[in-house]
Every structure is written in C-alpha cells, then in structure tokens.
Amino acid sequence: MQHAKLLNLIILTLSAPKEVMMSEMSAIQSVHLKRIEHYVNLNSANPDLSPNTVAAACHISVRCLHKLFASLPYSFSEWVKMLRLKQANLILKSKSYVTIE
C-alpha cells in the first residue's frame, strides 16, 4: 500500500504545472493539494464532506490539511463552498430544465 501512495505522489508531482513547481510551495504540498482537489471534486455533492473526511481519504492529518490552506487566500471551508457554487452555476447554465430547488 505504501508503494502505491508513493507512486501516486510521484505521478502527481511530475504532472504538476511548471508554475506550481517554481512557486514557494513545495512539490509535496502541491501534490497534497492536488489530491485534495481531486477528492473534493469527486465528492462535492456529499453533504458530509468535512475536513476530517477529506484528510482521512487523502491520508493526511486534519492539521496538515488546514496548514496547506493557510498559505492560500481562503480556508478549506471557503474553498469547498466556492467549488460547489461554481459547479451549481455550471449546472444551471448548461441545463434549461434545472431549477434552483
């Protein structure tokens, strides 16, 4: 299992954009954020999505998750809210029969 996690980290690191790799954020931090983003995108409709569930799914501590977002201009909760609002906006724009309910 550890080998799979390490391989996943290497693949995500190598696929990161050059701007991310050259930024002040370490490659490992950017990989963790990418993994968090992937998990949240897949599970954004889950009403029980929380820092605890995301951290557990991404094999990091809740403290680590919050530290990753400390260097960003928004908290984890604000980011999830923005992501959900963007997804809702896209759905409302793309389907004329969808209501806000």
N, C-alpha and C. Protein backbone atom coordinates (compact mmCIF):
# COMPACT_ATOMS: atom_id res chain seq x y z
N MET A 1 0.83 -1.20 0.00
CA MET A 1 0.00 0.00 0.00
C MET A 1 0.88 1.26 0.00
N GLN A 2 1.96 1.26 0.76
CA GLN A 2 2.85 2.42 0.83
C GLN A 2 3.47 2.70 -0.53
N HIS A 3 3.80 1.64 -1.28
CA HIS A 3 4.39 1.83 -2.60
C HIS A 3 3.40 2.52 -3.54
N ALA A 4 2.14 2.16 -3.44
CA ALA A 4 1.11 2.78 -4.28
C ALA A 4 0.97 4.26 -3.95
N LYS A 5 1.00 4.61 -2.66
CA LYS A 5 0.90 6.01 -2.25
C LYS A 5 2.09 6.80 -2.77
N LEU A 6 3.29 6.22 -2.65
CA LEU A 6 4.50 6.90 -3.11
C LEU A 6 4.46 7.09 -4.63
N LEU A 7 4.05 6.07 -5.35
CA LEU A 7 3.95 6.16 -6.80
C LEU A 7 2.93 7.23 -7.19
N ASN A 8 1.81 7.28 -6.48
CA ASN A 8 0.79 8.29 -6.74
C ASN A 8 1.36 9.69 -6.52
N LEU A 9 2.12 9.89 -5.45
CA LEU A 9 2.74 11.19 -5.18
C LEU A 9 3.71 11.58 -6.28
N ILE A 10 4.50 10.62 -6.75
CA ILE A 10 5.47 10.91 -7.81
C ILE A 10 4.75 11.30 -9.10
N ILE A 11 3.72 10.56 -9.46
CA ILE A 11 2.97 10.86 -10.69
C ILE A 11 2.32 12.24 -10.61
N LEU A 12 1.70 12.54 -9.47
CA LEU A 12 1.06 13.85 -9.32
C LEU A 12 2.09 14.98 -9.34
N THR A 13 3.26 14.74 -8.76
CA THR A 13 4.31 15.75 -8.75
C THR A 13 4.80 16.02 -10.17
N LEU A 14 5.02 14.97 -10.93
CA LEU A 14 5.51 15.14 -12.29
C LEU A 14 4.48 15.77 -13.20
N SER A 15 3.21 15.61 -12.89
CA SER A 15 2.16 16.18 -13.74
C SER A 15 1.78 17.60 -13.33
N ALA A 16 2.38 18.11 -12.28
CA ALA A 16 2.06 19.47 -11.82
C ALA A 16 2.58 20.49 -12.82
N PRO A 17 1.85 21.57 -13.02
CA PRO A 17 2.30 22.62 -13.94
C PRO A 17 3.62 23.23 -13.47
N LYS A 18 4.40 23.75 -14.42
CA LYS A 18 5.70 24.32 -14.10
C LYS A 18 5.58 25.47 -13.10
N GLU A 19 4.50 26.26 -13.21
CA GLU A 19 4.32 27.40 -12.30
C GLU A 19 4.23 26.93 -10.85
N VAL A 20 3.55 25.79 -10.66
CA VAL A 20 3.42 25.25 -9.30
C VAL A 20 4.78 24.79 -8.80
N MET A 21 5.52 24.14 -9.67
CA MET A 21 6.83 23.61 -9.27
C MET A 21 7.80 24.74 -8.93
N MET A 22 7.65 25.90 -9.56
CA MET A 22 8.56 27.01 -9.35
C MET A 22 8.08 27.94 -8.23
N SER A 23 6.92 27.68 -7.69
CA SER A 23 6.37 28.56 -6.66
C SER A 23 7.04 28.29 -5.32
N GLU A 24 6.67 29.10 -4.34
CA GLU A 24 7.22 28.94 -3.00
C GLU A 24 6.72 27.66 -2.34
N MET A 25 5.58 27.15 -2.78
CA MET A 25 5.00 25.95 -2.20
C MET A 25 5.84 24.74 -2.63
N SER A 26 6.10 23.86 -1.70
CA SER A 26 6.89 22.68 -2.04
C SER A 26 6.10 21.76 -2.96
N ALA A 27 6.82 20.90 -3.65
CA ALA A 27 6.19 19.95 -4.56
C ALA A 27 5.26 19.01 -3.79
N ILE A 28 5.67 18.61 -2.61
CA ILE A 28 4.84 17.71 -1.81
C ILE A 28 3.54 18.40 -1.40
N GLN A 29 3.63 19.67 -1.02
CA GLN A 29 2.41 20.41 -0.66
C GLN A 29 1.48 20.53 -1.86
N SER A 30 2.04 20.81 -3.02
CA SER A 30 1.19 20.95 -4.20
C SER A 30 0.55 19.62 -4.58
N VAL A 31 1.26 18.52 -4.35
CA VAL A 31 0.70 17.20 -4.62
C VAL A 31 -0.44 16.91 -3.66
N HIS A 32 -0.25 17.24 -2.39
CA HIS A 32 -1.33 17.05 -1.42
C HIS A 32 -2.55 17.87 -1.81
N LEU A 33 -2.33 19.12 -2.20
CA LEU A 33 -3.45 19.97 -2.61
C LEU A 33 -4.15 19.42 -3.85
N LYS A 34 -3.37 18.88 -4.78
CA LYS A 34 -3.96 18.30 -5.98
C LYS A 34 -4.80 17.08 -5.63
N ARG A 35 -4.32 16.27 -4.69
CA ARG A 35 -5.07 15.09 -4.26
C ARG A 35 -6.35 15.50 -3.54
N ILE A 36 -6.25 16.54 -2.72
CA ILE A 36 -7.42 17.06 -2.01
C ILE A 36 -8.44 17.58 -3.03
N GLU A 37 -7.96 18.33 -4.00
CA GLU A 37 -8.85 18.88 -5.03
C GLU A 37 -9.55 17.75 -5.79
N HIS A 38 -8.82 16.74 -6.15
CA HIS A 38 -9.40 15.60 -6.87
C HIS A 38 -10.49 14.92 -6.03
N TYR A 39 -10.19 14.67 -4.77
CA TYR A 39 -11.17 14.01 -3.90
C TYR A 39 -12.42 14.88 -3.72
N VAL A 40 -12.23 16.15 -3.47
CA VAL A 40 -13.37 17.04 -3.24
C VAL A 40 -14.21 17.17 -4.51
N ASN A 41 -13.57 17.25 -5.66
CA ASN A 41 -14.33 17.31 -6.91
C ASN A 41 -15.20 16.08 -7.10
N LEU A 42 -14.68 14.92 -6.75
CA LEU A 42 -15.44 13.68 -6.88
C LEU A 42 -16.56 13.56 -5.84
N ASN A 43 -16.40 14.22 -4.70
CA ASN A 43 -17.33 14.06 -3.59
C ASN A 43 -18.02 15.35 -3.17
N SER A 44 -18.05 16.35 -4.03
CA SER A 44 -18.60 17.65 -3.65
C SER A 44 -20.09 17.60 -3.34
N ALA A 45 -20.79 16.62 -3.88
CA ALA A 45 -22.23 16.50 -3.61
C ALA A 45 -22.52 15.86 -2.26
N ASN A 46 -21.52 15.31 -1.63
CA ASN A 46 -21.68 14.66 -0.33
C ASN A 46 -21.90 15.72 0.75
N PRO A 47 -23.06 15.74 1.41
CA PRO A 47 -23.31 16.74 2.44
C PRO A 47 -22.42 16.55 3.69
N ASP A 48 -21.85 15.37 3.84
CA ASP A 48 -20.98 15.10 4.99
C ASP A 48 -19.51 15.39 4.71
N LEU A 49 -19.22 16.05 3.60
CA LEU A 49 -17.85 16.40 3.26
C LEU A 49 -17.31 17.36 4.32
N SER A 50 -16.24 16.98 4.96
CA SER A 50 -15.68 17.80 6.03
C SER A 50 -14.16 17.69 5.98
N PRO A 51 -13.47 18.56 6.70
CA PRO A 51 -12.01 18.43 6.76
C PRO A 51 -11.58 17.03 7.25
N ASN A 52 -12.33 16.47 8.19
CA ASN A 52 -11.98 15.15 8.72
C ASN A 52 -12.07 14.08 7.64
N THR A 53 -13.17 14.08 6.87
CA THR A 53 -13.33 13.04 5.85
C THR A 53 -12.32 13.21 4.72
N VAL A 54 -12.06 14.45 4.33
CA VAL A 54 -11.10 14.70 3.25
C VAL A 54 -9.69 14.32 3.70
N ALA A 55 -9.32 14.72 4.89
CA ALA A 55 -7.99 14.39 5.40
C ALA A 55 -7.80 12.88 5.48
N ALA A 56 -8.80 12.18 6.00
CA ALA A 56 -8.69 10.72 6.11
C ALA A 56 -8.58 10.08 4.72
N ALA A 57 -9.37 10.55 3.77
CA ALA A 57 -9.34 9.99 2.42
C ALA A 57 -8.02 10.26 1.71
N CYS A 58 -7.39 11.38 2.05
CA CYS A 58 -6.12 11.77 1.41
C CYS A 58 -4.91 11.36 2.22
N HIS A 59 -5.13 10.63 3.31
CA HIS A 59 -4.06 10.09 4.16
C HIS A 59 -3.16 11.17 4.75
N ILE A 60 -3.80 12.26 5.20
CA ILE A 60 -3.08 13.31 5.92
C ILE A 60 -3.88 13.65 7.16
N SER A 61 -3.27 14.38 8.07
CA SER A 61 -3.98 14.79 9.27
C SER A 61 -4.82 16.03 8.97
N VAL A 62 -5.81 16.27 9.80
CA VAL A 62 -6.64 17.47 9.65
C VAL A 62 -5.78 18.71 9.83
N ARG A 63 -4.85 18.64 10.75
CA ARG A 63 -3.94 19.77 10.97
C ARG A 63 -3.13 20.07 9.71
N CYS A 64 -2.64 19.03 9.07
CA CYS A 64 -1.88 19.19 7.82
C CYS A 64 -2.77 19.82 6.75
N LEU A 65 -4.00 19.37 6.64
CA LEU A 65 -4.93 19.92 5.66
C LEU A 65 -5.11 21.43 5.88
N HIS A 66 -5.32 21.82 7.13
CA HIS A 66 -5.50 23.24 7.42
C HIS A 66 -4.21 24.03 7.19
N LYS A 67 -3.06 23.43 7.46
CA LYS A 67 -1.79 24.11 7.21
C LYS A 67 -1.57 24.32 5.71
N LEU A 68 -2.01 23.36 4.90
CA LEU A 68 -1.88 23.52 3.45
C LEU A 68 -2.68 24.72 2.96
N PHE A 69 -3.85 24.94 3.54
CA PHE A 69 -4.69 26.05 3.13
C PHE A 69 -4.28 27.37 3.79
N ALA A 70 -3.44 27.32 4.80
CA ALA A 70 -3.01 28.54 5.49
C ALA A 70 -2.25 29.47 4.57
N SER A 71 -1.55 28.91 3.58
CA SER A 71 -0.78 29.75 2.66
C SER A 71 -1.62 30.25 1.48
N LEU A 72 -2.87 29.85 1.43
CA LEU A 72 -3.77 30.27 0.35
C LEU A 72 -4.66 31.41 0.84
N PRO A 73 -5.28 32.13 -0.09
CA PRO A 73 -6.11 33.28 0.34
C PRO A 73 -7.49 32.90 0.87
N TYR A 74 -7.75 31.61 1.06
CA TYR A 74 -9.04 31.15 1.57
C TYR A 74 -8.84 29.90 2.40
N SER A 75 -9.79 29.65 3.27
CA SER A 75 -9.74 28.45 4.11
C SER A 75 -10.27 27.26 3.33
N PHE A 76 -10.12 26.08 3.88
CA PHE A 76 -10.64 24.87 3.25
C PHE A 76 -12.15 24.99 3.05
N SER A 77 -12.87 25.40 4.08
CA SER A 77 -14.33 25.51 4.00
C SER A 77 -14.76 26.53 2.95
N GLU A 78 -14.08 27.66 2.88
CA GLU A 78 -14.40 28.67 1.87
C GLU A 78 -14.16 28.13 0.47
N TRP A 79 -13.06 27.38 0.32
CA TRP A 79 -12.73 26.81 -0.97
C TRP A 79 -13.79 25.79 -1.42
N VAL A 80 -14.24 24.93 -0.51
CA VAL A 80 -15.27 23.95 -0.84
C VAL A 80 -16.57 24.67 -1.23
N LYS A 81 -16.90 25.72 -0.49
CA LYS A 81 -18.11 26.48 -0.81
C LYS A 81 -18.01 27.11 -2.20
N MET A 82 -16.85 27.70 -2.52
CA MET A 82 -16.66 28.29 -3.85
C MET A 82 -16.76 27.23 -4.94
N LEU A 83 -16.17 26.09 -4.71
CA LEU A 83 -16.21 25.00 -5.67
C LEU A 83 -17.65 24.54 -5.92
N ARG A 84 -18.41 24.37 -4.86
CA ARG A 84 -19.81 23.95 -5.00
C ARG A 84 -20.65 25.00 -5.73
N LEU A 85 -20.40 26.27 -5.43
CA LEU A 85 -21.14 27.33 -6.11
C LEU A 85 -20.81 27.38 -7.60
N LYS A 86 -19.54 27.18 -7.95
CA LYS A 86 -19.14 27.13 -9.36
C LYS A 86 -19.80 25.96 -10.07
N GLN A 87 -19.83 24.80 -9.42
CA GLN A 87 -20.46 23.63 -10.02
C GLN A 87 -21.95 23.86 -10.20
N ALA A 88 -22.60 24.45 -9.21
CA ALA A 88 -24.03 24.74 -9.32
C ALA A 88 -24.31 25.72 -10.45
N ASN A 89 -23.47 26.72 -10.57
CA ASN A 89 -23.61 27.71 -11.63
C ASN A 89 -23.50 27.05 -13.01
N LEU A 90 -22.53 26.16 -13.16
CA LEU A 90 -22.36 25.46 -14.44
C LEU A 90 -23.58 24.59 -14.77
N ILE A 91 -24.10 23.92 -13.77
CA ILE A 91 -25.29 23.08 -13.98
C ILE A 91 -26.48 23.93 -14.39
N LEU A 92 -26.69 25.04 -13.69
CA LEU A 92 -27.82 25.92 -14.01
C LEU A 92 -27.69 26.52 -15.41
N LYS A 93 -26.46 26.83 -15.82
CA LYS A 93 -26.25 27.41 -17.15
C LYS A 93 -26.39 26.37 -18.26
N SER A 94 -26.02 25.13 -17.96
CA SER A 94 -25.99 24.12 -19.02
C SER A 94 -27.31 23.41 -19.25
N LYS A 95 -28.20 23.43 -18.30
CA LYS A 95 -29.46 22.69 -18.43
C LYS A 95 -30.63 23.63 -18.18
N SER A 96 -31.44 23.81 -19.20
CA SER A 96 -32.53 24.76 -19.06
C SER A 96 -33.67 24.25 -18.19
N TYR A 97 -33.75 22.95 -17.96
CA TYR A 97 -34.84 22.39 -17.15
C TYR A 97 -34.52 22.27 -15.68
N VAL A 98 -33.33 22.61 -15.26
CA VAL A 98 -32.95 22.51 -13.85
C VAL A 98 -33.42 23.75 -13.12
N THR A 99 -34.00 23.54 -11.95
CA THR A 99 -34.42 24.66 -11.13
C THR A 99 -33.47 24.78 -9.94
N ILE A 100 -33.56 25.86 -9.23
CA ILE A 100 -32.71 26.08 -8.07
C ILE A 100 -33.06 25.10 -6.95
N GLU A 101 -34.29 24.64 -6.89
CA GLU A 101 -34.69 23.66 -5.88
C GLU A 101 -33.83 22.43 -6.01
